[in-house]
Amino acid sequence: MDMYLELLLGYIDKPSYDINNVYTVYINKEEKKYEVYLNEEYIGLLPLVRELSQKYPVFDALAEFNEINFDIFYNININKISEELRRLNIDPQNDLIPDLIFWESLNLSRVAPLLYDININEIFINGSEYPIYVDHRRYGKLITNIVLTKSEVLSLIRLIEFIKGEGLDPLRGNMEADLYNSKIHYRLNIDGPQITYGDYFISLRNLRHLMYSLTKLINLGSIDVDLTSILIVSIYSLANIIIAGSPNTGKTTLLNSLLSILPNHIRKVYIEEARESLDLRRYGNHQVFYRLGKINKWSKEEQIIFTLRRSPGYIIIGETLTKHDVEILFYSISLGLNVATTIHTHSIDSLLKRWLIHEEMDPRIICDIDLVVIMKRDLDENRRYVDGVYTLEYKDNDVKIYRIKEISQRDYGLSILAEKLGKRLKLKYNDLLELFTFTKEKLSNGEIINYEEFIEFIKRSRRNV
């Protein structure tokens, strides 16, 4: 049955919310179901939407463009559809009707409400003729009332191939792409029949959730004030920071939140296989982005030389996955570069075991890492949070792990971190402790110490020596 018409069967008494005032979502918490419907006031427009979508081939509107992205693709078509509606004396209703026609023209009208739902972290299409699953911010994994046909799945793939300018890799059988404009931002992974049992598996990760302010993360219970204050001082110090955890624990979100407070003038060089970092260049941020997939055939030395010649103030490696990535990470640090990255692991112990045993890294180099932040996810409450913050010390030919719990002279882990940061900033331990405390006091009042205050504090402390 057409999902747009199912609402006519009657109101479903369940927790609900609107999407853009066009769709309504109903959540069945007991059965873990997510149901989305077109609002009743728009159901009467469906014949018009479908009639015009058949007359309007969206791809034909772009013949004059040599390069295209989804933002251009969407806006050009919405403007042309709006012009056509006005010519027919039909009110576009602030582009609501053109938007419906756009997705209907693409044969993706049933995917659109999921893309627009800001409460969805990730969408999972497990082949045609099977229900779509979503990872909901509040309710976790839910099964939807949307079952795509093979034609609809192929339409989504066709759109991505068109935007990307290339087809599914015939050898690897997969493809990654971004679907991005002012309304949505998704990272798509498509696995084709070459590596599946004849079907297409598609995941769409919502990247709009990758930016929260640090105060917002505190309010969400993701991190406490003491640890946030320590991370603020560390990121301002351009410390070497690893944010680690299992998939979907909020690693990139925390990293983006920290990077967002760095001043614009610090040149941030991003090296990523999949683009997940926030592009803040339009706000004056000094950022450059490189696709790891284009340079990862180089040797370790070639990649580091490539990065050094870009005059980095801070290097952000999007995700450290392979042994080669790990070698690049630690080789960069050994050359005195300042690096932040994310990595997959479930604990600090398993991470060190991998580095020391499987990847045979020198423990002395490992201890050049200033901070390791471990992220976790509570599946019952669907909450992502900082499980622990650690610093490392090379002692007795081994790596010693110290957990940092609070801003206090009694916290030995904090004293080890203060020693590391003190060497960077040329500050004594008591000065660092005072800086941590000052940062905490401001944060307790809802304010984040800005970089100018941080630098002024350092200068004042040095003058008093």
Protein backbone atom coordinates (compact mmCIF):
# COMPACT_ATOMS: atom_id res chain seq x y z
CA MET A 1 0.00 0.00 0.00
CA ASP A 2 1.21 3.54 -0.78
CA MET A 3 2.64 4.88 2.48
CA TYR A 4 1.22 8.34 1.77
CA LEU A 5 -2.31 6.94 1.85
CA GLU A 6 -1.93 4.70 4.89
CA LEU A 7 -2.59 7.64 7.20
CA LEU A 8 -6.16 7.69 5.92
CA LEU A 9 -6.74 4.39 7.75
CA GLY A 10 -6.81 6.24 11.02
CA TYR A 11 -4.77 8.04 13.65
CA ILE A 12 -2.19 5.93 15.45
CA ASP A 13 -1.99 6.79 19.16
CA LYS A 14 1.78 6.75 19.67
CA PRO A 15 4.56 9.25 20.52
CA SER A 16 4.93 11.46 17.46
CA TYR A 17 6.67 14.48 15.99
CA ASP A 18 6.66 16.41 12.71
CA ILE A 19 9.38 16.64 10.08
CA ASN A 20 9.40 20.06 8.38
CA ASN A 21 5.62 20.25 8.97
CA VAL A 22 5.24 17.90 6.00
CA TYR A 23 5.65 14.42 7.50
CA THR A 24 4.65 12.92 10.83
CA VAL A 25 6.63 10.23 12.63
CA TYR A 26 5.04 7.77 15.06
CA ILE A 27 7.21 5.72 17.41
CA ASN A 28 6.12 2.38 18.85
CA LYS A 29 8.58 2.03 21.73
CA GLU A 30 7.48 -1.47 22.71
CA GLU A 31 7.79 -2.95 19.23
CA LYS A 32 10.77 -0.74 18.29
CA LYS A 33 8.96 0.59 15.20
CA TYR A 34 9.31 3.87 13.34
CA GLU A 35 6.38 4.88 11.10
CA VAL A 36 6.41 7.97 8.91
CA TYR A 37 3.53 9.41 6.88
CA LEU A 38 2.82 12.42 4.75
CA ASN A 39 0.64 14.90 6.63
CA GLU A 40 -3.02 14.80 5.66
CA GLU A 41 -3.07 18.34 4.24
CA TYR A 42 -0.51 17.29 1.61
CA ILE A 43 -2.13 14.02 0.61
CA GLY A 44 -4.51 15.91 -1.66
CA LEU A 45 -1.53 17.28 -3.55
CA LEU A 46 -0.21 13.86 -4.48
CA PRO A 47 -1.93 13.62 -7.88
CA LEU A 48 -0.44 17.02 -8.85
CA VAL A 49 3.00 16.06 -7.50
CA ARG A 50 3.00 12.81 -9.43
CA GLU A 51 1.71 14.39 -12.61
CA LEU A 52 4.36 17.11 -12.61
CA SER A 53 7.14 14.72 -11.57
CA GLN A 54 6.45 12.68 -14.71
CA LYS A 55 6.72 15.81 -16.85
CA TYR A 56 9.84 17.13 -15.18
CA PRO A 57 13.10 15.14 -15.72
CA VAL A 58 15.37 16.51 -13.01
CA PHE A 59 18.63 15.37 -14.60
CA ASP A 60 17.91 17.24 -17.84
CA ALA A 61 18.05 20.56 -15.98
CA LEU A 62 21.78 20.14 -15.44
CA ALA A 63 23.10 19.56 -18.94
CA GLU A 64 25.10 22.80 -18.89
CA PHE A 65 27.14 21.86 -15.79
CA ASN A 66 30.49 20.10 -16.11
CA GLU A 67 30.81 19.42 -12.39
CA ILE A 68 27.95 18.91 -10.00
CA ASN A 69 27.28 18.27 -6.36
CA PHE A 70 24.04 17.57 -4.58
CA ASP A 71 23.67 21.15 -3.36
CA ILE A 72 23.82 22.53 -6.92
CA PHE A 73 21.70 19.65 -8.22
CA TYR A 74 18.97 20.26 -5.64
CA ASN A 75 18.85 24.06 -5.87
CA ILE A 76 18.82 24.22 -9.68
CA ASN A 77 15.94 21.79 -9.83
CA ILE A 78 13.95 23.38 -7.00
CA ASN A 79 14.24 26.79 -8.70
CA LYS A 80 13.16 25.43 -12.08
CA ILE A 81 10.24 23.50 -10.57
CA SER A 82 9.14 26.64 -8.67
CA GLU A 83 9.22 28.65 -11.89
CA GLU A 84 7.08 26.05 -13.61
CA LEU A 85 4.56 26.05 -10.73
CA ARG A 86 4.26 29.82 -10.82
CA ARG A 87 3.73 29.65 -14.59
CA LEU A 88 0.81 27.32 -13.83
CA ASN A 89 -0.44 29.74 -11.11
CA ILE A 90 0.35 27.22 -8.38
CA ASP A 91 1.82 28.49 -5.10
CA PRO A 92 5.12 26.64 -4.39
CA GLN A 93 4.42 27.09 -0.63
CA ASN A 94 7.99 28.04 0.29
CA ASP A 95 9.41 25.27 -1.89
CA LEU A 96 7.46 22.53 -0.06
CA ILE A 97 5.69 21.42 -3.23
CA PRO A 98 8.86 21.65 -5.40
CA ASP A 99 10.63 19.53 -2.79
CA LEU A 100 7.93 16.83 -3.01
CA ILE A 101 8.11 16.92 -6.81
CA PHE A 102 11.93 16.74 -6.73
CA TRP A 103 12.03 13.54 -4.67
CA GLU A 104 9.10 12.02 -6.55
CA SER A 105 10.92 12.70 -9.82
CA LEU A 106 13.92 10.81 -8.49
CA ASN A 107 11.71 7.88 -7.42
CA LEU A 108 12.92 8.55 -3.87
CA SER A 109 9.87 10.10 -2.24
CA ARG A 110 9.81 7.41 0.45
CA VAL A 111 13.46 8.00 1.39
CA ALA A 112 13.09 11.79 1.68
CA PRO A 113 11.39 11.95 5.12
CA LEU A 114 14.16 9.80 6.63
CA LEU A 115 16.80 12.13 5.19
CA TYR A 116 15.04 15.14 6.70
CA ASP A 117 14.53 13.62 10.16
CA ILE A 118 17.13 15.29 12.39
CA ASN A 119 16.55 12.59 15.03
CA ILE A 120 18.06 9.86 12.85
CA ASN A 121 21.74 9.04 13.26
CA GLU A 122 21.94 6.43 10.52
CA ILE A 123 19.74 4.78 7.89
CA PHE A 124 20.24 1.13 6.90
CA ILE A 125 18.86 -0.19 3.60
CA ASN A 126 19.37 -3.95 3.73
CA GLY A 127 18.43 -4.61 0.13
CA SER A 128 15.18 -4.23 -1.77
CA GLU A 129 11.91 -5.72 -0.50
CA TYR A 130 13.10 -5.53 3.13
CA PRO A 131 12.20 -2.88 5.75
CA ILE A 132 14.60 0.00 6.27
CA TYR A 133 16.14 0.26 9.73
CA VAL A 134 17.17 3.51 11.42
CA ASP A 135 19.35 4.36 14.38
CA HIS A 136 17.29 6.94 16.28
CA ARG A 137 18.94 9.45 18.61
CA ARG A 138 16.40 8.81 21.35
CA TYR A 139 15.03 5.33 20.72
CA GLY A 140 18.00 3.47 19.24
CA LYS A 141 17.59 0.90 16.45
CA LEU A 142 14.07 0.92 14.97
CA ILE A 143 12.42 -0.89 12.05
CA THR A 144 10.52 1.44 9.72
CA ASN A 145 7.34 1.01 7.71
CA ILE A 146 9.30 1.73 4.52
CA VAL A 147 10.18 -1.14 2.18
CA LEU A 148 11.94 -0.03 -0.99
CA THR A 149 11.48 -1.73 -4.32
CA LYS A 150 14.51 -2.67 -6.39
CA SER A 151 13.68 0.25 -8.67
CA GLU A 152 13.86 2.67 -5.74
CA VAL A 153 17.17 1.24 -4.53
CA LEU A 154 18.63 1.56 -8.02
CA SER A 155 17.31 5.14 -8.20
CA LEU A 156 19.27 6.03 -5.08
CA ILE A 157 22.40 4.45 -6.54
CA ARG A 158 21.86 6.27 -9.83
CA LEU A 159 21.63 9.59 -7.96
CA ILE A 160 24.88 8.92 -6.10
CA GLU A 161 26.68 7.84 -9.26
CA PHE A 162 25.49 11.00 -10.97
CA ILE A 163 26.65 13.24 -8.11
CA LYS A 164 29.95 11.42 -7.69
CA GLY A 165 30.65 11.31 -11.41
CA GLU A 166 31.56 7.62 -11.39
CA GLY A 167 29.88 4.27 -11.00
CA LEU A 168 30.17 1.50 -8.46
CA ASP A 169 33.73 0.16 -8.37
CA PRO A 170 33.54 -3.00 -10.55
CA LEU A 171 36.35 -4.71 -8.65
CA ARG A 172 35.78 -3.67 -5.06
CA GLY A 173 32.00 -3.65 -5.43
CA ASN A 174 31.46 -0.66 -3.19
CA MET A 175 31.28 3.11 -3.24
CA GLU A 176 31.33 6.00 -0.78
CA ALA A 177 29.87 9.44 -1.36
CA ASP A 178 28.50 12.54 0.36
CA LEU A 179 24.93 13.75 0.00
CA TYR A 180 25.10 17.33 1.19
CA ASN A 181 23.21 20.60 0.98
CA SER A 182 21.83 23.18 3.41
CA LYS A 183 19.16 20.73 4.60
CA ILE A 184 20.93 17.37 4.83
CA HIS A 185 24.42 15.95 5.16
CA TYR A 186 24.90 12.20 4.80
CA ARG A 187 27.86 9.92 4.21
CA LEU A 188 26.72 6.96 2.05
CA ASN A 189 28.33 3.55 1.81
CA ILE A 190 27.01 1.29 -0.95
CA ASP A 191 27.92 -2.40 -1.23
CA GLY A 192 26.99 -3.99 -4.55
CA PRO A 193 26.34 -7.53 -5.84
CA GLN A 194 30.07 -8.11 -6.35
CA ILE A 195 30.55 -8.49 -2.58
CA THR A 196 27.00 -9.37 -1.46
CA TYR A 197 24.65 -12.17 -2.38
CA GLY A 198 23.18 -10.29 -5.31
CA ASP A 199 21.62 -7.30 -3.54
CA TYR A 200 22.61 -3.74 -2.63
CA PHE A 201 23.27 -2.81 1.00
CA ILE A 202 23.31 0.93 1.71
CA SER A 203 24.05 2.84 4.90
CA LEU A 204 23.55 6.58 5.23
CA ARG A 205 25.23 8.21 8.22
CA ASN A 206 23.83 11.56 9.30
CA LEU A 207 26.77 13.95 9.65
CA ARG A 208 24.66 16.85 10.89
CA HIS A 209 25.07 15.39 14.40
CA LEU A 210 28.83 15.75 14.27
CA MET A 211 28.76 19.25 15.74
CA TYR A 212 27.75 20.00 19.28
CA SER A 213 29.18 22.72 21.47
CA LEU A 214 31.14 21.50 24.47
CA THR A 215 28.55 23.03 26.79
CA LYS A 216 25.85 21.09 24.91
CA LEU A 217 27.78 17.85 25.45
CA ILE A 218 27.97 18.65 29.16
CA ASN A 219 24.22 19.28 29.31
CA LEU A 220 23.60 15.98 27.49
CA GLY A 221 25.62 14.15 30.14
CA SER A 222 28.29 13.12 27.63
CA ILE A 223 31.15 14.57 29.66
CA ASP A 224 31.61 16.35 33.01
CA VAL A 225 32.96 19.82 33.65
CA ASP A 226 36.35 18.69 34.99
CA LEU A 227 37.20 16.52 31.99
CA THR A 228 35.89 19.13 29.54
CA SER A 229 38.14 21.76 31.15
CA ILE A 230 41.13 19.45 30.80
CA LEU A 231 40.32 18.81 27.13
CA ILE A 232 39.94 22.55 26.45
CA VAL A 233 43.38 23.34 27.86
CA SER A 234 44.82 20.36 25.95
CA ILE A 235 43.35 21.33 22.57
CA TYR A 236 44.49 24.95 23.03
CA SER A 237 47.95 23.50 23.75
CA LEU A 238 47.75 21.58 20.44
CA ALA A 239 48.25 18.35 22.36
CA ASN A 240 48.44 14.95 20.69
CA ILE A 241 44.96 13.58 21.31
CA ILE A 242 43.43 10.19 20.49
CA ILE A 243 39.64 9.86 20.73
CA ALA A 244 38.85 6.16 20.75
CA GLY A 245 35.81 3.96 21.01
CA SER A 246 33.52 1.52 19.25
CA PRO A 247 31.49 2.62 16.19
CA ASN A 248 28.76 5.22 16.84
CA THR A 249 30.05 6.26 20.26
CA GLY A 250 30.51 9.95 19.39
CA LYS A 251 34.24 10.05 18.63
CA THR A 252 34.04 12.42 15.66
CA THR A 253 31.40 14.56 17.39
CA LEU A 254 33.70 15.19 20.34
CA LEU A 255 36.69 15.85 18.08
CA ASN A 256 34.71 18.37 16.00
CA SER A 257 33.51 20.09 19.19
CA LEU A 258 37.09 20.49 20.40
CA LEU A 259 38.42 21.67 17.05
CA SER A 260 35.64 24.24 16.78
CA ILE A 261 37.05 26.28 19.67
CA LEU A 262 40.52 26.59 18.15
CA PRO A 263 41.15 30.08 16.75
CA ASN A 264 40.74 30.63 13.03
CA HIS A 265 44.41 31.47 12.41
CA ILE A 266 45.73 28.02 13.41
CA ARG A 267 46.17 26.12 10.14
CA LYS A 268 44.38 22.80 10.44
CA VAL A 269 45.32 20.14 7.89
CA TYR A 270 42.76 17.33 7.60
CA ILE A 271 43.59 13.95 6.09
CA GLU A 272 40.51 11.77 5.76
CA GLU A 273 39.40 8.71 3.83
CA ALA A 274 35.76 9.69 4.36
CA ARG A 275 34.89 13.36 4.84
CA GLU A 276 33.40 13.78 8.34
CA SER A 277 35.11 16.89 9.69
CA LEU A 278 33.20 20.14 9.64
CA ASP A 279 34.12 22.65 6.96
CA LEU A 280 34.24 26.04 8.69
CA ARG A 281 36.21 27.94 6.04
CA ARG A 282 33.26 30.19 5.27
CA TYR A 283 33.60 31.52 8.83
CA GLY A 284 37.27 32.39 8.36
CA ASN A 285 38.65 29.12 9.70
CA HIS A 286 42.10 28.20 8.35
CA GLN A 287 41.42 24.63 7.12
CA VAL A 288 42.63 22.46 4.25
CA PHE A 289 41.23 19.01 3.47
CA TYR A 290 42.95 16.09 1.74
CA ARG A 291 41.44 12.78 0.70
CA LEU A 292 43.54 9.98 2.14
CA GLY A 293 42.37 7.66 -0.64
CA LYS A 294 44.24 9.84 -3.16
CA ILE A 295 47.59 9.73 -1.33
CA ASN A 296 47.56 6.48 0.62
CA LYS A 297 49.58 4.66 -2.06
CA TRP A 298 52.55 6.77 -1.11
CA SER A 299 55.14 5.57 1.38
CA LYS A 300 54.94 6.71 4.98
CA GLU A 301 57.78 9.17 4.40
CA GLU A 302 56.15 10.61 1.26
CA GLN A 303 52.89 11.23 3.08
CA ILE A 304 54.63 12.97 5.99
CA ILE A 305 56.69 15.15 3.63
CA PHE A 306 53.47 16.00 1.77
CA THR A 307 51.91 17.11 5.06
CA LEU A 308 54.96 19.02 6.29
CA ARG A 309 55.03 21.08 3.11
CA ARG A 310 51.47 22.24 3.86
CA SER A 311 52.72 24.14 6.94
CA PRO A 312 50.33 22.51 9.41
CA GLY A 313 49.61 24.01 12.81
CA TYR A 314 47.51 20.99 13.72
CA ILE A 315 47.03 17.76 11.79
CA ILE A 316 43.71 15.94 12.01
CA ILE A 317 43.74 12.36 10.76
CA GLY A 318 40.08 11.50 10.24
CA GLU A 319 40.34 7.87 11.30
CA THR A 320 43.37 5.74 12.16
CA LEU A 321 42.49 2.23 11.02
CA THR A 322 45.38 0.28 9.51
CA LYS A 323 48.92 -0.37 10.65
CA HIS A 324 50.03 2.03 7.93
CA ASP A 325 47.78 4.73 9.43
CA VAL A 326 49.24 4.08 12.88
CA GLU A 327 52.78 4.39 11.52
CA ILE A 328 51.89 7.72 9.93
CA LEU A 329 50.34 8.90 13.21
CA PHE A 330 53.36 8.14 15.37
CA TYR A 331 55.93 9.13 12.76
CA SER A 332 54.22 12.53 12.55
CA ILE A 333 54.33 12.90 16.31
CA SER A 334 58.01 11.86 16.41
CA LEU A 335 58.79 14.72 14.00
CA GLY A 336 57.23 17.19 16.42
CA LEU A 337 53.94 17.62 14.57
CA ASN A 338 50.75 18.14 16.58
CA VAL A 339 48.12 15.51 15.80
CA ALA A 340 44.55 14.59 16.72
CA THR A 341 42.73 11.52 15.44
CA THR A 342 39.98 9.00 16.12
CA ILE A 343 40.47 5.27 16.34
CA HIS A 344 38.31 2.19 16.88
CA THR A 345 38.71 0.26 20.12
CA HIS A 346 36.60 -0.75 23.10
CA SER A 347 39.13 0.05 25.86
CA ILE A 348 42.48 1.67 26.56
CA ASP A 349 43.97 -1.75 27.32
CA SER A 350 42.94 -3.26 23.98
CA LEU A 351 44.25 -0.19 22.16
CA LEU A 352 47.69 -0.46 23.76
CA LYS A 353 47.79 -4.21 23.17
CA ARG A 354 47.16 -3.59 19.48
CA TRP A 355 49.85 -0.93 19.25
CA LEU A 356 52.47 -2.86 21.23
CA ILE A 357 51.87 -6.44 20.10
CA HIS A 358 50.11 -6.48 16.73
CA GLU A 359 51.57 -3.28 15.30
CA GLU A 360 54.90 -3.47 17.17
CA MET A 361 55.12 0.22 17.97
CA ASP A 362 57.93 1.51 20.17
CA PRO A 363 56.50 2.19 23.68
CA ARG A 364 58.56 5.38 23.95
CA ILE A 365 56.82 6.81 20.87
CA ILE A 366 53.41 5.69 22.12
CA CYS A 367 53.93 7.74 25.28
CA ASP A 368 54.26 10.87 23.15
CA ILE A 369 50.45 10.72 23.02
CA ASP A 370 49.24 13.31 25.54
CA LEU A 371 45.65 12.18 25.97
CA VAL A 372 43.53 9.16 25.10
CA VAL A 373 39.77 9.66 25.43
CA ILE A 374 37.63 6.51 25.50
CA MET A 375 34.02 6.89 24.29
CA LYS A 376 31.17 4.50 25.08
CA ARG A 377 27.50 4.17 24.22
CA ASP A 378 24.74 3.13 26.61
CA LEU A 379 22.35 1.17 24.37
CA ASP A 380 19.56 1.15 26.96
CA GLU A 381 19.53 4.94 27.25
CA ASN A 382 20.97 5.47 23.74
CA ARG A 383 23.53 7.85 25.25
CA ARG A 384 27.08 8.48 24.07
CA TYR A 385 29.56 9.55 26.72
CA VAL A 386 33.20 9.85 27.74
CA ASP A 387 34.03 6.71 29.68
CA GLY A 388 37.56 7.76 30.63
CA VAL A 389 40.40 10.15 29.90
CA TYR A 390 43.93 8.77 30.16
CA THR A 391 47.50 9.91 29.83
CA LEU A 392 50.56 7.72 29.25
CA GLU A 393 54.06 7.59 30.71
CA TYR A 394 57.15 5.65 29.62
CA LYS A 395 58.53 4.02 32.73
CA ASP A 396 60.55 0.84 33.38
CA ASN A 397 60.65 0.07 29.63
CA ASP A 398 56.86 -0.05 29.51
CA VAL A 399 53.78 2.10 28.94
CA LYS A 400 52.09 3.17 32.15
CA ILE A 401 48.42 4.20 31.96
CA TYR A 402 46.97 6.85 34.29
CA ARG A 403 43.33 7.75 34.39
CA ILE A 404 42.49 11.42 34.90
CA LYS A 405 39.37 11.89 37.00
CA GLU A 406 39.32 15.45 38.29
CA ILE A 407 41.14 18.76 38.55
CA SER A 408 42.94 18.21 41.82
CA GLN A 409 46.47 18.02 43.18
CA ARG A 410 45.55 14.49 44.32
CA ASP A 411 44.98 13.30 40.74
CA TYR A 412 48.27 11.70 39.70
CA GLY A 413 47.17 11.32 36.06
CA LEU A 414 46.56 15.07 35.89
CA SER A 415 50.07 15.71 37.23
CA ILE A 416 51.55 13.55 34.42
CA LEU A 417 49.50 15.44 31.81
CA ALA A 418 50.49 18.78 33.38
CA GLU A 419 54.14 17.78 33.07
CA LYS A 420 53.66 17.08 29.35
CA LEU A 421 51.71 20.26 28.66
CA GLY A 422 54.07 22.26 30.86
CA LYS A 423 56.95 21.42 28.54
CA ARG A 424 54.91 22.62 25.56
CA LEU A 425 53.76 25.83 27.22
CA LYS A 426 56.84 26.43 29.39
CA LEU A 427 54.71 26.50 32.53
CA LYS A 428 55.19 24.99 35.96
CA TYR A 429 52.79 22.44 37.43
CA ASN A 430 51.11 24.93 39.79
CA ASP A 431 50.51 27.30 36.88
CA LEU A 432 48.92 24.49 34.85
CA LEU A 433 46.74 23.52 37.80
CA GLU A 434 45.64 27.14 38.14
CA LEU A 435 44.87 27.24 34.40
CA PHE A 436 42.77 24.06 34.66
CA THR A 437 40.92 25.54 37.64
CA PHE A 438 40.30 28.87 35.92
CA THR A 439 38.95 27.04 32.86
CA LYS A 440 36.66 24.96 35.07
CA GLU A 441 35.32 28.02 36.90
CA LYS A 442 34.36 29.68 33.63
CA LEU A 443 32.81 26.48 32.30
CA SER A 444 30.78 26.04 35.49
CA ASN A 445 29.20 29.41 34.65
CA GLY A 446 28.41 28.30 31.11
CA GLU A 447 31.40 30.06 29.48
CA ILE A 448 34.30 28.57 27.55
CA ILE A 449 37.66 30.25 28.04
CA ASN A 450 38.64 31.74 24.70
CA TYR A 451 42.03 31.35 23.10
CA GLU A 452 43.05 34.97 23.82
CA GLU A 453 42.40 34.45 27.54
CA PHE A 454 44.39 31.21 27.39
CA ILE A 455 47.40 32.95 25.80
CA GLU A 456 47.16 35.91 28.19
CA PHE A 457 47.15 33.53 31.16
CA ILE A 458 50.31 31.84 29.86
CA LYS A 459 52.08 35.17 29.30
CA ARG A 460 51.13 36.39 32.77
CA SER A 461 52.35 33.16 34.36
CA ARG A 462 55.68 33.35 32.55
CA ARG A 463 56.19 36.97 33.63
CA ASN A 464 55.70 35.94 37.25
CA VAL A 465 58.46 33.32 37.10
